[in-house]
Amino acid sequence: MDGLLRAQEGPGGFVPNHCGMKKLLVASVTVLLALGGNIVSASELDAPTTGGFASDNVEHVSHIPINLDSAGAKLLDGYFYITTSNGLTIYDVSDPEAPQRLGFLPMLQQPYFAEEDVDTNGSILLISTFDGLNVVDVEDKSNPVVVGNLAGADEHTFTCVLDCTWAYGSQGAIVDLRDPASPELVGDWTEGLNVQSRHDVTEVKRGFVLTSTQPTYLLDVRDAAKPKAIASGVSDSALMHNNVWPNQMRDKYFLFGTESSGPSCGNGTGSFQTWSAKNWRNTKTFKLVDEWRPASGVPTDGNAPANLFCGHWFDVRPGYRNGGIVAQGFYESGTRFLEVSSKGKIEEIGWFVPYAGSTSAAYWVTKDIVYAVDYNRGIDILRFTD
């Protein structure tokens, strides 16, 4: 299926994986309930679109019904790197509405929990699997190959540090990648820290890492083998999932996504959060400012009656600076478009709830085009209009 991959679909959706039939049944019952058991035309629905239900500022452009069972991807320099339980796929997204598949590397991973935050500098890429951390040469996008392996280092996520000369694992591993063919475990970044939960880390500026942990820590990793905690903050969330500090730590607020289990999303469940970074150099602390959660309901209103989990990967829109628009995957609640004000307050401004979907992540490819990565459906290509 190399070349142009586009597949429009009807209201039946595309449900190929092991959870598909169950979720198709839930979606079908939901639509019937929403319609009061009556058969009506699409024009009578509140907000239908080709691939699901959407607010009037979100359009379903097309659908790629492969890359199923994906928990996340990486967009860099016009290429989209996406992992599933079967392997790594690389797309050329220079035409964002018609991505071209360039290469595929078979690599078996745990179903439904494949490598989430796949990271790369465009030359090497990191994927942890059952046999440890794999270092993949992606210089030739049509032919990715494994060039190094660190046995036993199977952590939930791995993040490039200092231009992928080092890697930090979600559970604490510090890996020396200066020789990509011979990765070496050299330390544990959690040593000496009071870490209650661990999910991911982000290099928010070269040499500085913000941890998605409870509590969260800002680490100075300019000496990558000897990280130093220089600030921290405590949240009411049990699982801090991922974070972004826009514009190389220059924004006065940074952003967090959290995750929790369903069956409903509401108070106390996974949320999108804003945190104040004002005066952190003096106080050594961060403070939660605002958080947002979707409501349970029916798809015609942009909600879901039940959720396997609540809250997953988010991405900031190009041009975001001290406020702007964010897109986040919320499992059965689909893709949520949120606006952050200059004071760190959050308001929902759009949504897309796919038929029989479970959205794991959303990525801004341009200021208008978003790739919604879905455990059940593959990739939904959306257009957002202000």
Protein backbone atom coordinates (compact mmCIF):
# COMPACT_ATOMS: atom_id res chain seq x y z
CA MET A 1 0.00 0.00 0.00
CA ASP A 2 2.84 2.39 -0.76
CA GLY A 3 2.00 5.76 -2.25
CA LEU A 4 -1.20 7.65 -1.63
CA LEU A 5 -3.20 6.15 1.24
CA ARG A 6 -6.68 7.61 1.39
CA ALA A 7 -9.90 5.83 2.31
CA GLN A 8 -13.14 7.64 2.92
CA GLU A 9 -15.64 5.67 4.96
CA GLY A 10 -19.32 5.54 5.76
CA PRO A 11 -21.08 5.56 9.13
CA GLY A 12 -20.07 1.94 9.74
CA GLY A 13 -16.50 2.96 10.60
CA PHE A 14 -13.47 0.71 10.29
CA VAL A 15 -12.93 -1.61 13.27
CA PRO A 16 -10.23 -4.22 12.63
CA ASN A 17 -8.51 -4.91 15.95
CA HIS A 18 -9.16 -7.13 18.94
CA CYS A 19 -11.30 -4.51 20.73
CA GLY A 20 -13.16 -3.51 17.58
CA MET A 21 -16.39 -5.50 17.79
CA LYS A 22 -17.03 -4.48 21.38
CA LYS A 23 -16.49 -0.80 20.62
CA LEU A 24 -18.55 -0.97 17.43
CA LEU A 25 -21.43 -2.32 19.52
CA VAL A 26 -21.02 0.50 22.06
CA ALA A 27 -20.93 3.10 19.28
CA SER A 28 -24.01 1.62 17.57
CA VAL A 29 -26.02 1.57 20.79
CA THR A 30 -24.90 5.12 21.54
CA VAL A 31 -26.10 6.41 18.16
CA LEU A 32 -29.46 4.64 18.57
CA LEU A 33 -29.92 6.12 22.04
CA ALA A 34 -28.93 9.56 20.79
CA LEU A 35 -31.55 9.32 18.05
CA GLY A 36 -34.26 8.04 20.37
CA GLY A 37 -34.38 4.73 18.52
CA ASN A 38 -35.59 6.35 15.29
CA ILE A 39 -34.03 6.09 11.87
CA VAL A 40 -33.17 9.58 10.61
CA SER A 41 -31.12 11.07 7.85
CA ALA A 42 -27.59 12.35 8.43
CA SER A 43 -28.81 15.91 7.90
CA GLU A 44 -30.96 15.61 11.03
CA LEU A 45 -28.02 14.76 13.28
CA ASP A 46 -26.53 17.55 15.35
CA ALA A 47 -22.94 17.36 14.07
CA PRO A 48 -22.13 14.46 11.72
CA THR A 49 -19.09 14.26 9.47
CA THR A 50 -17.60 11.56 7.25
CA GLY A 51 -15.68 9.73 9.96
CA GLY A 52 -17.67 10.56 13.07
CA PHE A 53 -19.24 13.46 14.91
CA ALA A 54 -17.58 16.89 14.97
CA SER A 55 -18.03 20.50 15.96
CA ASP A 56 -18.67 22.83 13.03
CA ASN A 57 -15.03 24.00 12.94
CA VAL A 58 -13.59 20.48 12.47
CA GLU A 59 -13.76 18.57 9.18
CA HIS A 60 -12.84 14.93 8.60
CA VAL A 61 -10.57 15.06 5.53
CA SER A 62 -9.55 11.43 5.04
CA HIS A 63 -8.70 8.21 6.80
CA ILE A 64 -5.71 5.83 6.67
CA PRO A 65 -7.04 2.46 7.86
CA ILE A 66 -3.65 1.01 8.80
CA ASN A 67 -1.24 1.75 11.65
CA LEU A 68 -3.84 0.27 13.97
CA ASP A 69 -3.08 -0.29 17.63
CA SER A 70 -0.87 2.81 17.75
CA ALA A 71 -0.27 4.71 20.97
CA GLY A 72 1.73 7.54 19.45
CA ALA A 73 4.06 9.00 16.86
CA LYS A 74 6.64 11.72 16.16
CA LEU A 75 6.50 14.53 13.60
CA LEU A 76 9.87 15.97 12.56
CA ASP A 77 11.05 17.90 9.50
CA GLY A 78 8.20 16.79 7.24
CA TYR A 79 8.25 13.12 8.25
CA PHE A 80 5.79 11.26 10.47
CA TYR A 81 7.18 8.28 12.42
CA ILE A 82 4.46 6.04 13.88
CA THR A 83 4.79 2.80 15.87
CA THR A 84 2.29 -0.01 16.35
CA SER A 85 2.51 -3.47 17.90
CA ASN A 86 3.73 -4.64 14.46
CA GLY A 87 6.46 -2.12 13.71
CA LEU A 88 7.58 1.34 12.64
CA THR A 89 6.13 3.19 9.61
CA ILE A 90 7.58 6.39 8.15
CA TYR A 91 5.46 8.83 6.09
CA ASP A 92 6.39 11.82 3.98
CA VAL A 93 3.84 14.45 5.00
CA SER A 94 4.97 17.30 2.75
CA ASP A 95 1.42 17.09 1.37
CA PRO A 96 -0.32 16.73 4.76
CA GLU A 97 -3.69 15.71 3.30
CA ALA A 98 -2.11 12.91 1.26
CA PRO A 99 0.79 11.36 3.24
CA GLN A 100 3.09 9.01 1.33
CA ARG A 101 4.35 5.86 3.03
CA LEU A 102 8.12 5.60 2.60
CA GLY A 103 9.34 2.74 4.76
CA PHE A 104 8.35 0.06 7.25
CA LEU A 105 10.38 -1.82 9.85
CA PRO A 106 8.76 -4.96 11.35
CA MET A 107 9.20 -4.91 15.13
CA LEU A 108 6.80 -6.81 17.39
CA GLN A 109 5.69 -5.01 20.54
CA GLN A 110 3.12 -5.47 23.27
CA PRO A 111 -0.39 -5.11 21.76
CA TYR A 112 -2.21 -1.89 22.73
CA PHE A 113 0.85 -0.71 24.68
CA ALA A 114 3.39 -0.31 21.88
CA GLU A 115 6.08 2.36 22.18
CA GLU A 116 4.13 5.56 22.78
CA ASP A 117 6.44 8.53 22.58
CA VAL A 118 8.74 7.32 19.80
CA ASP A 119 11.59 9.85 19.59
CA THR A 120 14.13 10.73 16.91
CA ASN A 121 16.51 13.42 15.72
CA GLY A 122 15.95 12.37 12.11
CA SER A 123 19.07 10.22 12.04
CA ILE A 124 18.42 7.64 14.75
CA LEU A 125 15.15 6.65 16.38
CA LEU A 126 14.43 4.93 19.72
CA ILE A 127 11.99 2.05 20.20
CA SER A 128 11.87 -0.18 23.28
CA THR A 129 10.44 -3.67 22.83
CA PHE A 130 10.46 -7.04 24.56
CA ASP A 131 14.21 -7.39 23.87
CA GLY A 132 15.17 -3.95 25.21
CA LEU A 133 15.96 -0.57 23.69
CA ASN A 134 16.44 -0.62 19.92
CA VAL A 135 18.37 2.13 18.15
CA VAL A 136 17.10 2.48 14.58
CA ASP A 137 18.96 4.18 11.72
CA VAL A 138 16.35 6.31 9.91
CA GLU A 139 18.64 8.32 7.63
CA ASP A 140 17.17 6.41 4.69
CA LYS A 141 13.43 6.88 5.31
CA SER A 142 12.60 4.08 2.89
CA ASN A 143 14.78 1.54 4.71
CA PRO A 144 14.93 1.92 8.52
CA VAL A 145 17.25 -0.62 10.14
CA VAL A 146 18.18 -1.52 13.73
CA VAL A 147 21.83 -0.64 14.40
CA GLY A 148 22.03 -1.09 18.18
CA ASN A 149 20.28 -2.82 21.07
CA LEU A 150 20.44 -2.49 24.86
CA ALA A 151 19.09 -5.75 26.28
CA GLY A 152 16.73 -5.49 29.23
CA ALA A 153 16.00 -1.77 28.79
CA ASP A 154 12.31 -2.12 27.96
CA GLU A 155 10.87 1.04 29.51
CA HIS A 156 7.48 2.55 28.62
CA THR A 157 9.01 5.50 26.73
CA PHE A 158 12.50 6.70 25.79
CA THR A 159 13.34 10.33 25.05
CA CYS A 160 16.26 11.78 23.09
CA VAL A 161 18.47 14.12 25.13
CA LEU A 162 21.20 16.40 23.76
CA ASP A 163 20.34 15.59 20.13
CA CYS A 164 20.00 11.85 20.75
CA THR A 165 23.53 11.47 22.05
CA TRP A 166 21.80 10.35 25.26
CA ALA A 167 18.41 8.85 26.12
CA TYR A 168 16.28 9.06 29.24
CA GLY A 169 13.79 6.26 29.93
CA SER A 170 10.45 6.73 31.63
CA GLN A 171 11.42 4.46 34.52
CA GLY A 172 14.79 6.12 35.14
CA ALA A 173 17.30 4.69 32.68
CA ILE A 174 20.11 6.97 31.48
CA VAL A 175 21.58 5.60 28.26
CA ASP A 176 24.76 6.76 26.53
CA LEU A 177 24.08 6.86 22.76
CA ARG A 178 27.24 8.57 21.61
CA ASP A 179 27.99 5.30 19.82
CA PRO A 180 24.50 4.36 18.53
CA ALA A 181 25.64 0.84 17.68
CA SER A 182 26.67 0.23 21.32
CA PRO A 183 24.16 1.88 23.68
CA GLU A 184 25.28 1.76 27.32
CA LEU A 185 23.22 2.02 30.53
CA VAL A 186 25.07 4.45 32.81
CA GLY A 187 22.66 5.59 35.53
CA ASP A 188 19.19 6.28 36.93
CA TRP A 189 17.78 9.83 36.79
CA THR A 190 15.25 9.04 39.58
CA GLU A 191 18.02 8.39 42.11
CA GLY A 192 17.53 10.62 45.14
CA LEU A 193 14.09 11.83 43.99
CA ASN A 194 10.74 11.12 45.64
CA VAL A 195 9.04 9.76 42.49
CA GLN A 196 5.66 8.12 43.05
CA SER A 197 4.70 7.45 39.43
CA ARG A 198 6.66 7.50 36.16
CA HIS A 199 5.42 7.75 32.60
CA ASP A 200 7.50 9.99 30.34
CA VAL A 201 10.08 12.77 30.20
CA THR A 202 10.46 15.69 27.76
CA GLU A 203 13.57 17.67 26.87
CA VAL A 204 11.87 21.07 27.01
CA LYS A 205 15.10 22.91 26.15
CA ARG A 206 18.48 21.55 25.22
CA GLY A 207 19.95 20.21 28.45
CA PHE A 208 16.73 20.56 30.51
CA VAL A 209 14.19 17.77 31.09
CA LEU A 210 10.68 18.05 32.58
CA THR A 211 9.45 14.75 34.01
CA SER A 212 5.91 13.39 33.72
CA THR A 213 6.00 12.05 37.25
CA GLN A 214 4.32 12.69 40.59
CA PRO A 215 5.67 15.11 41.68
CA THR A 216 7.02 16.62 38.45
CA TYR A 217 10.70 17.65 38.37
CA LEU A 218 12.71 19.96 36.16
CA LEU A 219 16.15 18.41 35.67
CA ASP A 220 19.35 20.06 34.51
CA VAL A 221 20.84 17.35 32.28
CA ARG A 222 23.61 19.29 30.57
CA ASP A 223 25.84 16.70 32.20
CA ALA A 224 23.52 13.88 31.10
CA ALA A 225 25.09 11.20 33.30
CA LYS A 226 24.62 13.40 36.41
CA PRO A 227 21.19 15.11 36.31
CA LYS A 228 20.27 17.70 38.94
CA ALA A 229 16.71 18.49 40.10
CA ILE A 230 16.29 22.28 40.09
CA ALA A 231 12.50 22.72 40.57
CA SER A 232 9.37 20.65 41.25
CA GLY A 233 5.58 20.76 41.53
CA VAL A 234 2.80 18.57 42.94
CA SER A 235 -0.49 17.76 41.17
CA ASP A 236 -3.73 16.14 42.33
CA SER A 237 -3.40 13.63 39.46
CA ALA A 238 -2.12 10.12 40.11
CA LEU A 239 -0.58 9.74 36.63
CA MET A 240 1.12 12.67 34.92
CA HIS A 241 1.17 11.48 31.31
CA ASN A 242 3.09 13.95 29.12
CA ASN A 243 4.18 17.56 29.09
CA VAL A 244 5.16 20.47 26.82
CA TRP A 245 6.90 23.67 27.86
CA PRO A 246 6.46 25.74 24.69
CA ASN A 247 9.13 27.87 23.06
CA GLN A 248 12.17 26.42 24.79
CA MET A 249 10.92 27.21 28.34
CA ARG A 250 10.22 30.86 27.47
CA ASP A 251 6.44 30.60 27.97
CA LYS A 252 5.14 31.56 31.41
CA TYR A 253 2.93 28.47 31.52
CA PHE A 254 3.77 24.88 30.66
CA LEU A 255 1.24 22.17 29.84
CA PHE A 256 0.49 18.69 31.16
CA GLY A 257 -1.74 15.85 30.06
CA THR A 258 -2.80 13.29 32.67
CA GLU A 259 -4.34 9.84 32.28
CA SER A 260 -6.76 7.67 34.23
CA SER A 261 -9.05 4.71 33.65
CA GLY A 262 -12.75 5.03 32.72
CA PRO A 263 -15.60 4.24 32.47
CA SER A 264 -16.54 7.93 32.56
CA CYS A 265 -14.44 11.08 32.27
CA GLY A 266 -15.23 13.72 34.87
CA ASN A 267 -14.00 15.03 38.19
CA GLY A 268 -10.88 13.23 39.34
CA THR A 269 -10.12 11.59 35.97
CA GLY A 270 -7.57 12.31 33.24
CA SER A 271 -7.30 15.99 32.33
CA PHE A 272 -5.41 18.64 30.40
CA GLN A 273 -3.59 21.07 32.71
CA THR A 274 -1.77 24.40 32.70
CA TRP A 275 1.02 25.15 35.18
CA SER A 276 2.59 28.45 36.16
CA ALA A 277 6.33 28.79 35.62
CA LYS A 278 6.48 32.34 36.94
CA ASN A 279 9.49 33.04 39.16
CA TRP A 280 10.39 29.35 39.32
CA ARG A 281 14.11 30.11 39.44
CA ASN A 282 13.62 31.78 42.81
CA THR A 283 10.86 29.64 44.30
CA LYS A 284 12.08 26.31 42.83
CA THR A 285 8.42 25.35 42.53
CA PHE A 286 5.61 25.14 39.97
CA LYS A 287 1.89 25.59 40.61
CA LEU A 288 -1.18 24.12 38.88
CA VAL A 289 -3.32 26.88 37.31
CA ASP A 290 -6.24 25.21 35.51
CA GLU A 291 -7.43 21.85 34.23
CA TRP A 292 -10.08 20.59 31.81
CA ARG A 293 -11.89 17.27 31.36
CA PRO A 294 -14.49 16.08 28.83
CA ALA A 295 -17.96 15.20 30.03
CA SER A 296 -19.75 11.90 29.53
CA GLY A 297 -22.74 11.98 27.21
CA VAL A 298 -23.62 11.14 23.61
CA PRO A 299 -21.54 11.58 20.41
CA THR A 300 -24.06 13.93 18.80
CA ASP A 301 -23.14 16.38 21.58
CA GLY A 302 -19.42 15.64 21.20
CA ASN A 303 -19.18 13.28 24.15
CA ALA A 304 -18.85 9.55 24.82
CA PRO A 305 -21.06 7.42 27.09
CA ALA A 306 -18.12 5.36 28.31
CA ASN A 307 -14.32 5.46 28.12
CA LEU A 308 -11.69 2.77 28.45
CA PHE A 309 -9.30 5.48 29.69
CA CYS A 310 -9.40 9.28 30.04
CA GLY A 311 -6.63 11.54 28.70
CA HIS A 312 -3.64 10.76 26.47
CA TRP A 313 -1.10 12.54 24.18
CA PHE A 314 -1.52 16.19 23.19
CA ASP A 315 0.28 18.63 20.89
CA VAL A 316 0.40 22.43 20.62
CA ARG A 317 -0.55 24.21 17.42
CA PRO A 318 2.27 25.87 15.41
CA GLY A 319 2.55 29.48 16.51
CA TYR A 320 1.57 28.77 20.12
CA ARG A 321 3.13 31.39 22.42
CA ASN A 322 1.97 32.20 25.95
CA GLY A 323 -1.40 30.80 25.00
CA GLY A 324 -2.98 29.29 21.92
CA ILE A 325 -4.63 26.08 20.74
CA VAL A 326 -3.91 22.49 21.75
CA ALA A 327 -5.24 19.19 20.37
CA GLN A 328 -5.40 16.15 22.66
CA GLY A 329 -6.44 12.52 22.25
CA PHE A 330 -9.01 11.38 24.82
CA TYR A 331 -9.66 7.73 23.86
CA GLU A 332 -13.39 7.22 23.18
CA SER A 333 -13.94 10.97 23.67
CA GLY A 334 -11.92 11.50 20.49
CA THR A 335 -9.84 14.58 19.72
CA ARG A 336 -10.47 17.69 21.79
CA PHE A 337 -9.42 21.17 20.68
CA LEU A 338 -8.62 23.41 23.65
CA GLU A 339 -7.67 27.06 23.83
CA VAL A 340 -5.29 28.30 26.53
CA SER A 341 -5.63 31.99 27.41
CA SER A 342 -2.78 34.36 28.24
CA LYS A 343 -3.66 33.75 31.91
CA GLY A 344 -3.45 29.96 31.61
CA LYS A 345 -7.21 29.35 31.59
CA ILE A 346 -8.57 26.52 29.40
CA GLU A 347 -11.66 26.49 27.18
CA GLU A 348 -12.83 23.83 24.73
CA ILE A 349 -13.37 25.20 21.21
CA GLY A 350 -13.84 22.08 19.06
CA TRP A 351 -13.99 18.30 18.96
CA PHE A 352 -14.06 15.20 16.77
CA VAL A 353 -15.52 11.92 18.07
CA PRO A 354 -14.91 9.12 15.53
CA TYR A 355 -17.17 6.19 14.86
CA ALA A 356 -16.07 3.23 17.03
CA GLY A 357 -12.80 4.97 17.83
CA SER A 358 -10.31 5.21 20.67
CA THR A 359 -7.99 8.16 20.00
CA SER A 360 -4.53 7.88 21.50
CA ALA A 361 -2.85 11.06 20.26
CA ALA A 362 -3.24 14.19 18.13
CA TYR A 363 -0.48 15.91 16.11
CA TRP A 364 -0.53 19.27 14.36
CA VAL A 365 1.05 18.74 10.94
CA THR A 366 0.22 22.32 9.91
CA LYS A 367 -1.81 25.11 11.54
CA ASP A 368 -4.91 23.57 9.95
CA ILE A 369 -4.26 19.82 9.63
CA VAL A 370 -4.23 17.41 12.58
CA TYR A 371 -3.45 13.68 12.51
CA ALA A 372 -5.60 11.86 15.07
CA VAL A 373 -3.93 8.52 15.83
CA ASP A 374 -6.47 5.90 16.91
CA TYR A 375 -6.09 2.46 18.50
CA ASN A 376 -8.98 1.10 16.42
CA ARG A 377 -9.04 3.13 13.22
CA GLY A 378 -5.46 4.03 12.25
CA ILE A 379 -5.04 7.74 11.34
CA ASP A 380 -7.88 10.21 10.90
CA ILE A 381 -6.82 13.39 9.05
CA LEU A 382 -8.72 16.40 10.36
CA ARG A 383 -8.95 20.03 9.28
CA PHE A 384 -9.41 22.62 12.03
CA THR A 385 -10.77 26.07 11.19
CA ASP A 386 -10.58 28.99 13.62
